[in-house]
Protein backbone atom coordinates (compact mmCIF):
# COMPACT_ATOMS: atom_id res chain seq x y z
CA MET A 1 -60.26 34.39 21.85
CA ASP A 2 -59.26 33.71 18.23
CA GLU A 3 -56.90 36.69 18.30
CA LEU A 4 -55.07 35.27 21.35
CA ILE A 5 -54.68 31.90 19.62
CA GLU A 6 -53.38 33.58 16.48
CA LYS A 7 -50.84 35.65 18.49
CA ALA A 8 -49.68 32.51 20.34
CA SER A 9 -49.22 30.64 17.07
CA LYS A 10 -47.19 33.46 15.59
CA ALA A 11 -45.02 33.54 18.71
CA ASP A 12 -44.39 29.77 18.42
CA LEU A 13 -43.50 30.06 14.75
CA ASN A 14 -41.11 32.92 15.46
CA PHE A 15 -39.44 30.87 18.20
CA LEU A 16 -39.12 27.84 15.86
CA TRP A 17 -37.63 29.99 13.13
CA THR A 18 -35.19 31.54 15.58
CA GLU A 19 -34.07 28.13 16.83
CA THR A 20 -33.71 26.87 13.26
CA LYS A 21 -31.54 29.86 12.33
CA ASP A 22 -29.43 29.33 15.44
CA VAL A 23 -28.87 25.65 14.63
CA TRP A 24 -28.05 26.55 11.02
CA GLN A 25 -25.54 29.22 12.04
CA HIS A 26 -23.90 27.20 14.84
CA GLY A 27 -24.19 23.69 13.45
CA LEU A 28 -20.86 22.03 14.38
CA PHE A 29 -17.80 23.52 16.09
CA GLY A 30 -19.51 26.88 15.73
CA ILE A 31 -19.62 26.59 11.93
CA ASP A 32 -22.87 27.11 10.04
CA ILE A 33 -24.37 24.16 8.22
CA SER A 34 -24.14 25.87 4.83
CA SER A 35 -20.35 26.03 5.22
CA ILE A 36 -20.25 22.37 6.22
CA ILE A 37 -22.29 21.42 3.15
CA THR A 38 -19.99 23.51 0.96
CA ALA A 39 -16.93 21.85 2.54
CA LEU A 40 -18.44 18.43 1.86
CA ALA A 41 -19.07 19.50 -1.74
CA ILE A 42 -15.40 20.55 -2.03
CA PHE A 43 -14.32 17.17 -0.68
CA ALA A 44 -16.68 15.38 -3.09
CA LEU A 45 -15.22 17.44 -5.95
CA PHE A 46 -11.74 16.19 -5.10
CA LEU A 47 -13.06 12.64 -4.99
CA LEU A 48 -14.30 13.22 -8.54
CA ILE A 49 -10.88 14.64 -9.46
CA ARG A 50 -9.38 11.49 -7.93
CA GLY A 51 -11.38 9.35 -10.34
CA LEU A 52 -10.32 11.45 -13.34
CA PHE A 53 -6.72 11.48 -12.10
CA SER A 54 -6.75 7.69 -11.84
CA LYS A 55 -8.31 7.30 -15.27
CA TYR A 56 -6.12 9.65 -17.27
CA ALA A 57 -2.98 10.84 -15.46
CA LEU A 58 -2.03 7.46 -13.98
CA TYR A 59 -2.87 5.74 -17.26
CA HIS A 60 -0.41 7.99 -19.12
CA LEU A 61 2.17 7.45 -16.36
CA HIS A 62 1.82 3.69 -16.74
CA SER A 63 2.07 3.97 -20.54
CA TRP A 64 5.23 6.05 -20.21
CA ALA A 65 6.80 3.43 -17.94
CA ALA A 66 5.84 0.65 -20.36
CA LYS A 67 7.94 2.27 -23.13
CA SER A 68 11.21 1.60 -21.29
CA THR A 69 13.17 -1.60 -21.82
CA THR A 70 13.30 -2.49 -18.12
CA LYS A 71 10.34 -3.79 -16.14
CA ILE A 72 11.39 -2.27 -12.84
CA ASP A 73 9.75 1.11 -13.51
CA ASP A 74 6.50 -0.66 -14.45
CA LYS A 75 6.50 -2.50 -11.13
CA ILE A 76 7.28 0.73 -9.23
CA VAL A 77 4.45 2.58 -10.97
CA ASP A 78 2.04 -0.28 -10.20
CA ALA A 79 3.12 -0.19 -6.56
CA LEU A 80 2.74 3.61 -6.28
CA ILE A 81 -0.69 3.87 -7.89
CA PRO A 82 -2.71 3.42 -4.63
CA PRO A 83 -0.69 6.10 -2.72
CA LEU A 84 -0.92 8.44 -5.73
CA ARG A 85 -4.69 7.95 -5.86
CA PHE A 86 -4.83 8.92 -2.17
CA ILE A 87 -3.26 12.37 -2.84
CA PRO A 88 -6.56 13.97 -4.08
CA VAL A 89 -8.24 12.70 -0.90
CA ILE A 90 -5.64 14.55 1.20
CA MET A 91 -6.04 17.67 -0.95
CA GLY A 92 -9.81 17.51 -0.62
CA PHE A 93 -9.51 17.26 3.16
CA PHE A 94 -7.08 20.20 3.21
CA PHE A 95 -9.18 22.59 1.09
CA ALA A 96 -12.41 21.60 2.85
CA ALA A 97 -10.77 22.32 6.22
CA GLN A 98 -9.39 25.64 4.92
CA TYR A 99 -12.85 26.72 3.79
CA LEU A 100 -14.43 25.94 7.16
CA GLN A 101 -12.04 28.33 8.99
CA PHE A 102 -11.94 26.54 12.35
CA ASP A 103 -11.09 28.22 15.59
CA GLU A 104 -7.56 27.82 16.90
CA LYS A 105 -8.23 24.66 18.91
CA SER A 106 -10.16 22.88 16.13
CA ALA A 107 -7.65 24.05 13.53
CA ALA A 108 -4.82 22.42 15.51
CA LEU A 109 -6.76 19.14 15.61
CA PHE A 110 -7.42 19.13 11.88
CA SER A 111 -3.80 20.12 11.22
CA ARG A 112 -2.63 17.03 13.10
CA ILE A 113 -5.05 14.84 11.16
CA LEU A 114 -3.79 16.33 7.88
CA ARG A 115 -0.13 15.81 8.82
CA SER A 116 -0.88 12.25 9.89
CA LEU A 117 -2.52 11.54 6.53
CA ILE A 118 0.48 13.00 4.68
CA ALA A 119 2.95 10.95 6.76
CA PHE A 120 0.85 7.80 6.29
CA ASN A 121 0.76 8.28 2.50
CA ILE A 122 4.52 8.91 2.26
CA PHE A 123 5.51 5.80 4.21
CA TRP A 124 2.79 3.77 2.52
CA ALA A 125 4.36 4.65 -0.84
CA ILE A 126 7.87 3.77 0.42
CA HIS A 127 6.63 0.46 1.81
CA ARG A 128 4.95 -0.51 -1.45
CA ALA A 129 7.89 0.64 -3.58
CA SER A 130 10.37 -1.46 -1.59
CA THR A 131 9.05 -4.69 -3.17
CA PRO A 132 9.71 -3.74 -6.83
CA LEU A 133 13.01 -2.14 -5.80
CA SER A 134 14.12 -5.55 -4.56
CA TYR A 135 13.77 -6.87 -8.11
CA GLY A 136 16.10 -4.11 -9.28
CA LEU A 137 18.83 -5.35 -6.97
CA LYS A 138 19.01 -8.89 -8.34
CA ALA A 139 22.72 -8.41 -8.97
CA LEU A 140 23.32 -8.39 -5.22
CA GLU A 141 21.93 -11.93 -4.97
CA LYS A 142 25.23 -13.26 -6.33
CA LEU A 143 26.96 -11.67 -3.35
CA LEU A 144 24.34 -12.06 -0.60
CA THR A 145 22.16 -14.98 -1.88
CA PRO A 146 18.42 -14.65 -2.66
CA ALA A 147 17.39 -15.71 0.86
CA MET A 148 19.55 -12.99 2.43
CA MET A 149 18.02 -10.39 0.09
CA GLN A 150 14.54 -11.53 1.12
CA TRP A 151 15.47 -11.11 4.78
CA ILE A 152 16.97 -7.65 4.17
CA PHE A 153 13.85 -6.37 2.43
CA LYS A 154 11.61 -7.87 5.11
CA VAL A 155 13.62 -5.94 7.71
CA VAL A 156 13.44 -2.79 5.55
CA LYS A 157 9.64 -3.07 5.37
CA VAL A 158 9.39 -3.49 9.14
CA LEU A 159 11.64 -0.44 9.65
CA VAL A 160 9.52 1.64 7.26
CA ILE A 161 6.39 0.73 9.21
CA PHE A 162 8.12 1.48 12.51
CA ILE A 163 9.47 4.86 11.39
CA GLY A 164 6.12 5.82 9.85
CA ALA A 165 4.32 4.97 13.08
CA ALA A 166 6.91 6.97 15.06
CA VAL A 167 6.41 10.02 12.84
CA ILE A 168 2.63 9.88 13.24
CA LEU A 169 2.98 9.50 17.02
CA GLU A 170 5.26 12.55 17.08
CA VAL A 171 2.62 14.50 15.16
CA TRP A 172 0.19 13.81 17.98
CA GLY A 173 2.70 14.84 20.60
CA ILE A 174 3.54 11.35 21.84
CA ALA A 175 7.26 11.16 22.66
CA ILE A 176 8.76 8.07 21.07
CA GLY A 177 11.83 7.96 23.38
CA PRO A 178 10.06 6.96 26.62
CA LEU A 179 7.89 4.59 24.61
CA LEU A 180 10.99 2.84 23.25
CA ALA A 181 12.45 2.63 26.75
CA GLY A 182 9.27 0.96 27.93
CA PHE A 183 9.40 -1.48 25.02
CA GLY A 184 13.04 -2.18 25.89
CA LEU A 185 12.12 -3.27 29.41
CA PHE A 186 9.21 -5.26 28.03
CA GLY A 187 11.48 -6.82 25.40
CA ALA A 188 13.99 -7.90 28.04
CA ALA A 189 11.25 -9.65 29.95
CA VAL A 190 9.92 -11.30 26.79
CA ALA A 191 13.42 -12.39 25.72
CA LEU A 192 13.72 -14.56 28.83
CA GLY A 193 10.69 -16.53 27.69
CA ALA A 194 11.50 -16.46 23.98
CA GLN A 195 14.87 -18.17 23.91
CA ASP A 196 13.68 -20.67 21.29
CA LEU A 197 12.55 -17.80 19.06
CA PHE A 198 15.97 -16.16 19.15
CA LYS A 199 17.68 -19.53 18.73
CA ASN A 200 15.68 -20.12 15.55
CA LEU A 201 16.38 -16.58 14.37
CA ILE A 202 20.12 -17.10 14.78
CA GLY A 203 19.77 -20.50 13.13
CA GLY A 204 18.14 -18.86 10.12
CA LEU A 205 20.95 -16.33 9.88
CA THR A 206 23.47 -19.18 10.07
CA ILE A 207 21.74 -21.06 7.25
CA ILE A 208 21.76 -17.99 5.02
CA ALA A 209 25.31 -16.92 5.89
CA GLU A 210 26.72 -20.41 5.26
CA LYS A 211 24.60 -20.79 2.09
CA ARG A 212 23.60 -24.32 3.09
CA PHE A 213 20.59 -24.25 0.79
CA HIS A 214 18.39 -21.81 -1.09
CA PRO A 215 14.67 -21.79 -1.94
CA GLY A 216 13.96 -24.27 -4.71
CA GLU A 217 16.65 -26.78 -3.67
CA TRP A 218 16.08 -30.41 -2.67
CA ILE A 219 17.41 -31.19 0.80
CA ALA A 220 17.25 -34.08 3.23
CA VAL A 221 17.85 -34.20 6.98
CA GLU A 222 17.81 -37.76 8.31
CA GLY A 223 14.94 -38.28 10.70
CA VAL A 224 13.60 -34.75 10.15
CA ILE A 225 12.56 -33.87 6.60
CA GLU A 226 13.20 -34.42 2.92
CA GLY A 227 11.76 -32.16 0.24
CA VAL A 228 12.11 -28.90 -1.66
CA VAL A 229 12.83 -25.66 0.24
CA GLU A 230 10.20 -23.00 -0.45
CA GLU A 231 10.99 -20.23 2.02
CA ILE A 232 13.54 -19.48 4.75
CA GLY A 233 11.68 -17.46 7.37
CA PHE A 234 12.74 -15.72 10.55
CA ARG A 235 11.71 -18.62 12.76
CA SER A 236 11.25 -21.63 10.49
CA THR A 237 11.96 -22.93 7.00
CA LYS A 238 9.10 -24.08 4.81
CA VAL A 239 9.90 -27.36 3.06
CA ARG A 240 7.43 -29.07 0.74
CA ARG A 241 7.68 -32.84 0.87
CA PHE A 242 7.40 -34.95 -2.28
CA ASP A 243 3.81 -35.82 -1.37
CA LYS A 244 3.19 -32.03 -1.70
CA ALA A 245 2.57 -31.52 2.02
CA PRO A 246 4.24 -28.35 3.41
CA VAL A 247 6.32 -28.75 6.56
CA HIS A 248 7.61 -25.86 8.69
CA VAL A 249 10.91 -26.93 10.25
CA PRO A 250 12.48 -24.78 13.02
CA ASN A 251 15.68 -23.16 11.77
CA SER A 252 17.63 -24.47 14.74
CA ALA A 253 16.85 -28.06 13.65
CA LEU A 254 18.39 -27.33 10.24
CA SER A 255 21.36 -25.25 11.37
CA ASP A 256 22.61 -27.88 13.85
CA ALA A 257 21.87 -30.97 11.74
CA VAL A 258 23.64 -32.73 8.89
CA VAL A 259 21.89 -31.44 5.75
CA THR A 260 22.23 -33.23 2.42
CA ASN A 261 21.68 -30.86 -0.50
CA PHE A 262 20.80 -33.04 -3.50
CA SER A 263 20.35 -30.02 -5.78
CA ARG A 264 24.08 -29.32 -5.64
CA MET A 265 25.17 -32.76 -6.84
CA SER A 266 27.61 -32.60 -9.73
CA HIS A 267 26.49 -36.04 -11.02
CA ARG A 268 24.13 -38.87 -10.14
CA ARG A 269 25.71 -42.22 -9.25
CA ILE A 270 24.85 -45.76 -10.31
CA PHE A 271 26.29 -48.49 -8.06
CA TRP A 272 25.07 -51.99 -8.87
CA LYS A 273 26.10 -55.51 -7.93
CA LEU A 274 25.10 -57.84 -10.80
CA GLY A 275 24.90 -61.44 -9.61
CA VAL A 276 25.32 -64.17 -12.27
CA THR A 277 25.06 -67.91 -11.72
CA TYR A 278 28.07 -70.01 -10.67
CA ASP A 279 28.01 -71.98 -13.91
CA THR A 280 29.08 -68.82 -15.77
CA THR A 281 32.47 -69.41 -17.40
CA ILE A 282 35.49 -67.12 -17.23
CA ASP A 283 35.07 -66.19 -20.89
CA GLN A 284 31.43 -65.30 -20.27
CA LEU A 285 32.37 -63.11 -17.27
CA LYS A 286 34.99 -61.28 -19.35
CA ASP A 287 32.52 -60.83 -22.20
CA ILE A 288 29.88 -59.35 -19.88
CA ARG A 289 32.44 -57.06 -18.27
CA ASP A 290 33.86 -55.78 -21.55
CA LYS A 291 30.50 -55.19 -23.22
CA ILE A 292 29.08 -53.25 -20.25
CA LEU A 293 32.19 -51.09 -20.12
CA SER A 294 32.10 -50.58 -23.88
CA TYR A 295 28.47 -49.44 -23.67
CA MET A 296 29.28 -46.83 -21.01
CA GLU A 297 32.44 -45.45 -22.59
CA GLY A 298 31.60 -42.47 -24.79
CA HIS A 299 27.84 -42.78 -24.20
CA GLU A 300 26.08 -39.44 -23.71
CA ASP A 301 24.20 -40.72 -20.66
CA PHE A 302 27.40 -41.21 -18.66
CA ALA A 303 30.07 -38.85 -17.35
CA GLN A 304 33.52 -39.98 -18.43
CA PRO A 305 36.89 -40.33 -16.67
CA PRO A 306 38.95 -38.52 -15.47
CA GLU A 307 36.02 -36.31 -14.40
CA VAL A 308 34.48 -39.21 -12.49
CA PRO A 309 35.50 -42.84 -11.88
CA MET A 310 34.04 -45.66 -13.99
CA PHE A 311 34.47 -49.34 -13.07
CA VAL A 312 33.11 -52.69 -14.22
CA ARG A 313 34.85 -55.53 -12.33
CA VAL A 314 34.21 -59.10 -11.18
CA ASP A 315 33.99 -58.21 -7.55
CA SER A 316 33.14 -61.09 -5.26
CA PHE A 317 31.84 -64.63 -4.82
CA ASN A 318 28.55 -64.39 -3.03
CA ALA A 319 26.55 -67.20 -1.42
CA SER A 320 24.46 -67.76 -4.55
CA SER A 321 26.19 -65.74 -7.26
CA ILE A 322 29.33 -64.33 -8.79
CA ASP A 323 28.99 -60.55 -8.38
CA ILE A 324 30.04 -58.02 -11.01
CA MET A 325 30.36 -54.47 -9.67
CA VAL A 326 29.15 -51.59 -11.89
CA TYR A 327 30.20 -48.17 -10.65
CA CYS A 328 29.56 -45.06 -12.77
CA PHE A 329 27.95 -41.60 -12.86
CA THR A 330 25.32 -40.16 -15.15
CA SER A 331 25.73 -36.76 -16.76
CA MET A 332 22.17 -35.56 -16.05
CA LEU A 333 20.90 -34.20 -12.72
CA ASP A 334 17.15 -34.14 -13.36
CA TRP A 335 15.61 -37.08 -11.54
CA GLY A 336 13.25 -38.02 -14.38
CA GLU A 337 16.06 -37.98 -16.93
CA PHE A 338 18.24 -39.99 -14.54
CA LEU A 339 15.55 -42.67 -14.17
CA ALA A 340 15.17 -42.88 -17.94
CA ALA A 341 18.95 -43.27 -18.43
CA LYS A 342 19.13 -45.88 -15.70
CA GLU A 343 16.29 -47.81 -17.31
CA ARG A 344 18.04 -47.81 -20.69
CA PHE A 345 21.21 -49.05 -19.00
CA ALA A 346 19.35 -51.81 -17.11
CA LEU A 347 17.76 -53.12 -20.31
CA GLU A 348 21.14 -53.08 -22.06
CA VAL A 349 22.78 -54.98 -19.17
CA LYS A 350 20.06 -57.64 -19.23
CA GLU A 351 20.54 -58.05 -22.99
CA ILE A 352 24.33 -58.34 -22.55
CA VAL A 353 24.02 -61.00 -19.82
CA GLU A 354 21.52 -63.06 -21.79
CA GLY A 355 23.57 -62.61 -24.97
CA ALA A 356 26.60 -64.05 -23.19
CA GLY A 357 24.70 -67.33 -22.68
CA THR A 358 24.27 -67.08 -18.91
CA SER A 359 21.66 -65.71 -16.49
CA PHE A 360 21.22 -63.73 -13.33
CA ALA A 361 21.43 -65.58 -10.04
CA PHE A 362 18.84 -65.58 -7.32
CA PRO A 363 19.13 -66.65 -3.67
CA SER A 364 19.11 -70.46 -3.41
CA GLN A 365 20.37 -73.35 -1.27
CA SER A 366 21.62 -76.75 -2.35
CA LEU A 367 21.25 -79.88 -0.21
CA TYR A 368 23.82 -82.67 -0.69
CA ILE A 369 23.19 -86.22 0.68
CA GLU A 370 26.37 -88.28 0.86
CA SER A 371 24.81 -91.65 1.67
CA LEU A 372 21.58 -93.32 2.65
CA PRO A 373 21.18 -95.59 5.73
CA GLY A 374 22.55 -99.17 5.21
CA GLU A 375 19.37 -100.96 6.27
CA ALA A 376 15.93 -99.94 5.26
CA ALA A 377 13.25 -99.64 7.89
CA GLU A 378 10.84 -102.54 8.25
CA LEU A 379 7.40 -102.06 6.87
CA PHE A 380 4.55 -102.41 9.33
CA ILE A 381 1.83 -104.68 7.95
CA PRO A 382 -1.31 -104.70 10.08
CA PRO A 383 -2.70 -108.21 10.89
CA ALA A 384 -5.66 -109.50 8.94
CA LYS A 385 -8.94 -109.59 10.67
């Protein structure tokens, strides 16, 4: 009885060993597990090489770029570092797949994966490099404006993504032509319901082509927005109001409206009406006029004729005052500097008016009574009790 049990146990162990060997030799896709482990070790080795490559080779590449006088190559190197660090991963996948020696069907699958990774890395590098390349083409901004350059590089990035996706689809045997035809029909249907989108897109192109305003400029559209332009997008323009709240205005609202661009002013204007009291004499009026004009002439705060007009004149007789018109332009454009110059001018004007022996008028009314009634009203004296 013990002998039978021993024979049965040996038979079970032999069967288990046979099954184990079979699993080991035909682990995955008909490849033994030892080869899979070796392939994983090869891939891990290339991951280690990736770390060393990033630490030393890319460091020296960055140092080499830093020696040049221009900063463009530094930006390009910084942009290309992630795609360059991905190259050892692709190499590790390639050598691991080569070691495994797949059958024809599996080899075709892994070949497509490898080609897809290569295509992805190439177009990833181009996409990342397009941003620093835009800095190298700053000279074109004088011809095309900064906003137009931003649009061009946005379109370039979209095209790079589209072409990269098309290449990867072709690798997997998906014909891009019929797919584009299908998107064309879909696009025609969408266009019918996206008229506002295209209207805003054309509006944005109009704004850029006409150079109405650029990012960083102060604009105002009556009843719509006033603030500083931050970005001109495909559909809307981002304007930050002076309370620091961002507002996204549809491009069509800006392309069809009257836009005041304060950033392109050549000067800032001061237009005052100074009202003095009616008891001001002619000599006092002339003295005030001459001294204000003398202060402005040759002063660094004010632009001078014939570049701009400059007037100080007794202008009109108002209901409560004699008005002196002051019309001039300051030489500074910064709003803070303009306010400071205007304050200095206001203090000087007040000193001139008070120094002339008169004062500013304020709204008032005078009541004249020509005569009183001839007979006074009788007083009512209540009877005594």
